[in-house]
N, C-alpha and C. Protein backbone atom coordinates (compact mmCIF):
# COMPACT_ATOMS: atom_id res chain seq x y z
N MET A 1 -40.73 9.41 -21.93
CA MET A 1 -39.61 10.19 -21.48
C MET A 1 -39.33 9.96 -19.99
N GLN A 2 -40.39 9.84 -19.20
CA GLN A 2 -40.23 9.63 -17.76
C GLN A 2 -39.55 8.29 -17.48
N GLU A 3 -39.86 7.28 -18.31
CA GLU A 3 -39.23 5.96 -18.13
C GLU A 3 -37.72 6.05 -18.31
N ARG A 4 -37.31 6.78 -19.33
CA ARG A 4 -35.88 6.93 -19.59
C ARG A 4 -35.21 7.67 -18.44
N MET A 5 -35.88 8.67 -17.90
CA MET A 5 -35.34 9.44 -16.78
C MET A 5 -35.23 8.55 -15.54
N ASP A 6 -36.25 7.75 -15.28
CA ASP A 6 -36.23 6.83 -14.14
C ASP A 6 -35.09 5.82 -14.29
N HIS A 7 -34.93 5.30 -15.51
CA HIS A 7 -33.86 4.33 -15.77
C HIS A 7 -32.49 4.98 -15.55
N ALA A 8 -32.32 6.20 -16.04
CA ALA A 8 -31.05 6.90 -15.89
C ALA A 8 -30.76 7.15 -14.40
N GLU A 9 -31.76 7.52 -13.64
CA GLU A 9 -31.57 7.75 -12.20
C GLU A 9 -31.21 6.45 -11.49
N GLU A 10 -31.83 5.36 -11.90
CA GLU A 10 -31.53 4.06 -11.31
C GLU A 10 -30.08 3.65 -11.61
N VAL A 11 -29.68 3.83 -12.85
CA VAL A 11 -28.30 3.50 -13.23
C VAL A 11 -27.33 4.38 -12.46
N LEU A 12 -27.62 5.66 -12.35
CA LEU A 12 -26.76 6.58 -11.61
C LEU A 12 -26.65 6.17 -10.15
N ALA A 13 -27.74 5.75 -9.56
CA ALA A 13 -27.71 5.32 -8.15
C ALA A 13 -26.83 4.09 -7.99
N HIS A 14 -26.90 3.14 -8.91
CA HIS A 14 -26.06 1.95 -8.83
C HIS A 14 -24.58 2.32 -9.01
N LEU A 15 -24.32 3.20 -9.97
CA LEU A 15 -22.93 3.62 -10.20
C LEU A 15 -22.37 4.37 -9.00
N THR A 16 -23.18 5.21 -8.39
CA THR A 16 -22.75 5.95 -7.20
C THR A 16 -22.42 4.98 -6.07
N ARG A 17 -23.25 3.99 -5.88
CA ARG A 17 -23.00 3.00 -4.84
C ARG A 17 -21.71 2.22 -5.14
N SER A 18 -21.51 1.86 -6.40
CA SER A 18 -20.30 1.13 -6.79
C SER A 18 -19.05 1.96 -6.55
N VAL A 19 -19.11 3.24 -6.89
CA VAL A 19 -17.96 4.13 -6.67
C VAL A 19 -17.67 4.25 -5.18
N ASP A 20 -18.69 4.40 -4.37
CA ASP A 20 -18.49 4.49 -2.92
C ASP A 20 -17.86 3.21 -2.37
N GLU A 21 -18.33 2.06 -2.83
CA GLU A 21 -17.78 0.79 -2.37
C GLU A 21 -16.32 0.65 -2.79
N LEU A 22 -16.02 1.02 -4.03
CA LEU A 22 -14.64 0.93 -4.52
C LEU A 22 -13.72 1.91 -3.78
N SER A 23 -14.24 3.07 -3.46
CA SER A 23 -13.46 4.05 -2.70
C SER A 23 -13.10 3.49 -1.32
N ASP A 24 -14.06 2.83 -0.68
CA ASP A 24 -13.79 2.22 0.62
C ASP A 24 -12.73 1.12 0.49
N ILE A 25 -12.81 0.33 -0.56
CA ILE A 25 -11.85 -0.75 -0.78
C ILE A 25 -10.46 -0.17 -0.99
N VAL A 26 -10.34 0.87 -1.81
CA VAL A 26 -9.05 1.48 -2.08
C VAL A 26 -8.46 2.08 -0.80
N ALA A 27 -9.27 2.72 0.00
CA ALA A 27 -8.78 3.30 1.26
C ALA A 27 -8.29 2.20 2.19
N ARG A 28 -9.02 1.11 2.27
CA ARG A 28 -8.61 -0.02 3.12
C ARG A 28 -7.30 -0.62 2.61
N GLN A 29 -7.17 -0.76 1.30
CA GLN A 29 -5.94 -1.31 0.72
C GLN A 29 -4.75 -0.38 0.97
N ALA A 30 -4.97 0.93 0.90
CA ALA A 30 -3.90 1.89 1.16
C ALA A 30 -3.41 1.75 2.59
N ARG A 31 -4.32 1.61 3.54
CA ARG A 31 -3.91 1.42 4.94
C ARG A 31 -3.13 0.12 5.11
N GLU A 32 -3.57 -0.93 4.44
CA GLU A 32 -2.89 -2.22 4.52
C GLU A 32 -1.49 -2.15 3.91
N ILE A 33 -1.37 -1.45 2.79
CA ILE A 33 -0.06 -1.30 2.15
C ILE A 33 0.89 -0.53 3.07
N GLU A 34 0.41 0.52 3.70
CA GLU A 34 1.23 1.27 4.65
C GLU A 34 1.68 0.38 5.80
N ARG A 35 0.76 -0.40 6.34
CA ARG A 35 1.10 -1.30 7.45
C ARG A 35 2.15 -2.32 7.01
N LEU A 36 1.96 -2.90 5.83
CA LEU A 36 2.90 -3.90 5.33
C LEU A 36 4.26 -3.28 5.02
N ALA A 37 4.27 -2.06 4.51
CA ALA A 37 5.54 -1.38 4.22
C ALA A 37 6.32 -1.15 5.51
N ARG A 38 5.63 -0.76 6.58
CA ARG A 38 6.31 -0.58 7.87
C ARG A 38 6.86 -1.91 8.38
N ALA A 39 6.08 -2.96 8.23
CA ALA A 39 6.52 -4.29 8.69
C ALA A 39 7.75 -4.75 7.90
N VAL A 40 7.75 -4.53 6.59
CA VAL A 40 8.91 -4.92 5.77
C VAL A 40 10.13 -4.11 6.19
N GLY A 41 9.95 -2.82 6.43
CA GLY A 41 11.06 -1.99 6.88
C GLY A 41 11.66 -2.50 8.18
N LEU A 42 10.80 -2.85 9.12
CA LEU A 42 11.28 -3.38 10.40
C LEU A 42 12.01 -4.72 10.20
N LEU A 43 11.46 -5.56 9.35
CA LEU A 43 12.12 -6.84 9.08
C LEU A 43 13.48 -6.65 8.42
N MET A 44 13.57 -5.68 7.52
CA MET A 44 14.86 -5.42 6.87
C MET A 44 15.89 -4.91 7.87
N GLU A 45 15.45 -4.03 8.77
CA GLU A 45 16.36 -3.55 9.82
C GLU A 45 16.81 -4.69 10.71
N ARG A 46 15.88 -5.52 11.10
CA ARG A 46 16.20 -6.65 11.96
C ARG A 46 17.19 -7.60 11.28
N GLU A 47 16.98 -7.87 10.00
CA GLU A 47 17.88 -8.76 9.26
C GLU A 47 19.26 -8.12 9.11
N ALA A 48 19.31 -6.82 8.87
CA ALA A 48 20.61 -6.14 8.76
C ALA A 48 21.36 -6.23 10.08
N GLU A 49 20.66 -6.05 11.19
CA GLU A 49 21.30 -6.16 12.51
C GLU A 49 21.79 -7.59 12.75
N ARG A 50 20.99 -8.57 12.32
CA ARG A 50 21.39 -9.96 12.48
C ARG A 50 22.63 -10.27 11.66
N GLU A 51 22.66 -9.80 10.41
CA GLU A 51 23.83 -10.02 9.56
C GLU A 51 25.07 -9.36 10.15
N PHE A 52 24.91 -8.15 10.68
CA PHE A 52 26.04 -7.44 11.27
C PHE A 52 26.55 -8.20 12.49
N ALA A 53 25.63 -8.69 13.32
CA ALA A 53 26.03 -9.43 14.52
C ALA A 53 26.72 -10.74 14.15
N ALA A 54 26.30 -11.37 13.08
CA ALA A 54 26.88 -12.66 12.69
C ALA A 54 28.22 -12.49 11.99
N GLY A 55 28.34 -11.46 11.15
CA GLY A 55 29.55 -11.32 10.34
C GLY A 55 30.46 -10.19 10.76
N GLY A 56 29.96 -9.30 11.55
CA GLY A 56 30.78 -8.21 12.04
C GLY A 56 31.03 -7.09 11.05
N GLN A 57 30.36 -7.09 9.91
CA GLN A 57 30.55 -5.98 8.98
C GLN A 57 29.21 -5.38 8.61
N ILE A 58 29.27 -4.16 8.15
CA ILE A 58 28.05 -3.44 7.78
C ILE A 58 27.48 -4.06 6.50
N PRO A 59 26.18 -4.34 6.45
CA PRO A 59 25.58 -4.89 5.23
C PRO A 59 25.86 -3.99 4.03
N LEU A 60 26.07 -4.58 2.87
CA LEU A 60 26.41 -3.81 1.67
C LEU A 60 25.40 -2.71 1.37
N ALA A 61 24.16 -2.95 1.63
CA ALA A 61 23.13 -1.95 1.33
C ALA A 61 23.32 -0.69 2.17
N ASP A 62 23.98 -0.80 3.32
CA ASP A 62 24.16 0.35 4.21
C ASP A 62 25.55 0.97 4.08
N GLN A 63 26.41 0.40 3.27
CA GLN A 63 27.77 0.93 3.12
C GLN A 63 27.77 2.09 2.13
N ARG A 64 28.66 3.04 2.39
CA ARG A 64 28.83 4.15 1.45
C ARG A 64 29.67 3.70 0.27
N PRO A 65 29.36 4.22 -0.91
CA PRO A 65 30.20 3.92 -2.06
C PRO A 65 31.61 4.48 -1.85
N PRO A 66 32.63 3.94 -2.53
CA PRO A 66 34.01 4.35 -2.30
C PRO A 66 34.28 5.84 -2.60
N HIS A 67 33.50 6.48 -3.43
CA HIS A 67 33.78 7.87 -3.79
C HIS A 67 33.32 8.87 -2.75
N TYR A 68 32.73 8.45 -1.64
CA TYR A 68 32.31 9.38 -0.59
C TYR A 68 33.45 9.74 0.31
């Protein structure tokens, strides 16, 4: 019986370590996604400004629909 208990504790320790490692990975990925989302937003703004400067009209994505 003690062997089974020792084995279960060993498995639990490995699983706990794996969960902790995965939690760290997910947190790091969430920070990276936030950083990349901000960068994409800035790039989209910059491109919209460039298109406006080149063509003189508001990009379609920023225009109001005709029913407003």
